[in-house]
Amino acid sequence: MEKQLRIVKKGQDDGNLQYWLSLTFNERMAELEKIRQLINLKKYGTRQRFQRVYRVVKRK
């Protein structure tokens, strides 16, 4: 299989938009969750940690 590269100007590539519009809401959310997991895996690795919670306290 030979790789193909096509350069288009921003806003002129309708293929990506048509793909996302062809999916149902639940399919879009599932795809976005997969993307989110891949990004988190790349950024943070396999270690799972607690989220940090901050609270702003107004002092007098």
C-alpha atoms as a PDB file:
ATOM      1  CA  MET A   1       0.000   0.000   0.000  1.00  0.00           C
ATOM      2  CA  GLU A   2       1.462   3.301  -1.065  1.00  0.00           C
ATOM      3  CA  LYS A   3       0.965   6.344   1.163  1.00  0.00           C
ATOM      4  CA  GLN A   4      -0.815   9.280  -0.377  1.00  0.00           C
ATOM      5  CA  LEU A   5      -0.551  12.894   0.673  1.00  0.00           C
ATOM      6  CA  ARG A   6      -2.939  15.606  -0.373  1.00  0.00           C
ATOM      7  CA  ILE A   7      -2.475  19.223   0.698  1.00  0.00           C
ATOM      8  CA  VAL A   8      -5.628  21.306   1.017  1.00  0.00           C
ATOM      9  CA  LYS A   9      -6.349  24.741   2.389  1.00  0.00           C
ATOM     10  CA  LYS A  10      -8.062  25.081   5.730  1.00  0.00           C
ATOM     11  CA  GLY A  11     -11.809  24.780   5.349  1.00  0.00           C
ATOM     12  CA  GLN A  12     -11.666  23.075   1.947  1.00  0.00           C
ATOM     13  CA  ASP A  13     -11.452  19.458   3.151  1.00  0.00           C
ATOM     14  CA  ASP A  14     -15.021  18.247   3.540  1.00  0.00           C
ATOM     15  CA  GLY A  15     -14.086  14.579   4.038  1.00  0.00           C
ATOM     16  CA  ASN A  16     -13.418  14.924   7.757  1.00  0.00           C
ATOM     17  CA  LEU A  17     -16.618  16.887   8.340  1.00  0.00           C
ATOM     18  CA  GLN A  18     -18.691  14.424   6.317  1.00  0.00           C
ATOM     19  CA  TYR A  19     -17.276  11.515   8.334  1.00  0.00           C
ATOM     20  CA  TRP A  20     -18.241  13.071  11.672  1.00  0.00           C
ATOM     21  CA  LEU A  21     -21.667  14.127  10.418  1.00  0.00           C
ATOM     22  CA  SER A  22     -22.344  10.586   9.201  1.00  0.00           C
ATOM     23  CA  LEU A  23     -22.002   9.204  12.742  1.00  0.00           C
ATOM     24  CA  THR A  24     -24.771   9.097  15.309  1.00  0.00           C
ATOM     25  CA  PHE A  25     -24.403  11.032  18.542  1.00  0.00           C
ATOM     26  CA  ASN A  26     -23.450   7.904  20.504  1.00  0.00           C
ATOM     27  CA  GLU A  27     -20.876   6.877  17.869  1.00  0.00           C
ATOM     28  CA  ARG A  28     -19.326  10.363  17.979  1.00  0.00           C
ATOM     29  CA  MET A  29     -19.088  10.237  21.755  1.00  0.00           C
ATOM     30  CA  ALA A  30     -17.488   6.775  21.612  1.00  0.00           C
ATOM     31  CA  GLU A  31     -14.908   7.994  19.075  1.00  0.00           C
ATOM     32  CA  LEU A  32     -14.142  11.073  21.165  1.00  0.00           C
ATOM     33  CA  GLU A  33     -13.670   8.882  24.236  1.00  0.00           C
ATOM     34  CA  LYS A  34     -11.183   6.710  22.303  1.00  0.00           C
ATOM     35  CA  ILE A  35      -9.264   9.827  21.241  1.00  0.00           C
ATOM     36  CA  ARG A  36      -9.297  11.139  24.827  1.00  0.00           C
ATOM     37  CA  GLN A  37      -7.941   7.830  26.149  1.00  0.00           C
ATOM     38  CA  LEU A  38      -5.163   7.759  23.521  1.00  0.00           C
ATOM     39  CA  ILE A  39      -4.104  11.304  24.372  1.00  0.00           C
ATOM     40  CA  ASN A  40      -4.140  10.604  28.111  1.00  0.00           C
ATOM     41  CA  LEU A  41      -2.136   7.415  27.594  1.00  0.00           C
ATOM     42  CA  LYS A  42       0.458   9.289  25.528  1.00  0.00           C
ATOM     43  CA  LYS A  43       0.643  12.223  27.932  1.00  0.00           C
ATOM     44  CA  TYR A  44       0.477  10.421  31.300  1.00  0.00           C
ATOM     45  CA  GLY A  45       1.432   6.845  30.489  1.00  0.00           C
ATOM     46  CA  THR A  46      -0.244   3.917  32.207  1.00  0.00           C
ATOM     47  CA  ARG A  47      -0.158   5.316  35.718  1.00  0.00           C
ATOM     48  CA  GLN A  48      -3.479   6.452  37.075  1.00  0.00           C
ATOM     49  CA  ARG A  49      -3.598   9.269  39.564  1.00  0.00           C
ATOM     50  CA  PHE A  50      -6.170  11.243  41.449  1.00  0.00           C
ATOM     51  CA  GLN A  51      -7.235  14.570  40.063  1.00  0.00           C
ATOM     52  CA  ARG A  52      -6.180  17.607  41.988  1.00  0.00           C
ATOM     53  CA  VAL A  53      -8.961  19.608  43.535  1.00  0.00           C
ATOM     54  CA  TYR A  54      -8.445  23.242  44.459  1.00  0.00           C
ATOM     55  CA  ARG A  55     -10.668  25.374  46.605  1.00  0.00           C
ATOM     56  CA  VAL A  56     -10.529  29.151  46.620  1.00  0.00           C
ATOM     57  CA  VAL A  57     -11.061  30.602  50.074  1.00  0.00           C
ATOM     58  CA  LYS A  58     -11.868  34.250  50.481  1.00  0.00           C
ATOM     59  CA  ARG A  59      -9.896  35.808  53.326  1.00  0.00           C
ATOM     60  CA  LYS A  60     -10.895  38.978  55.133  1.00  0.00           C
END
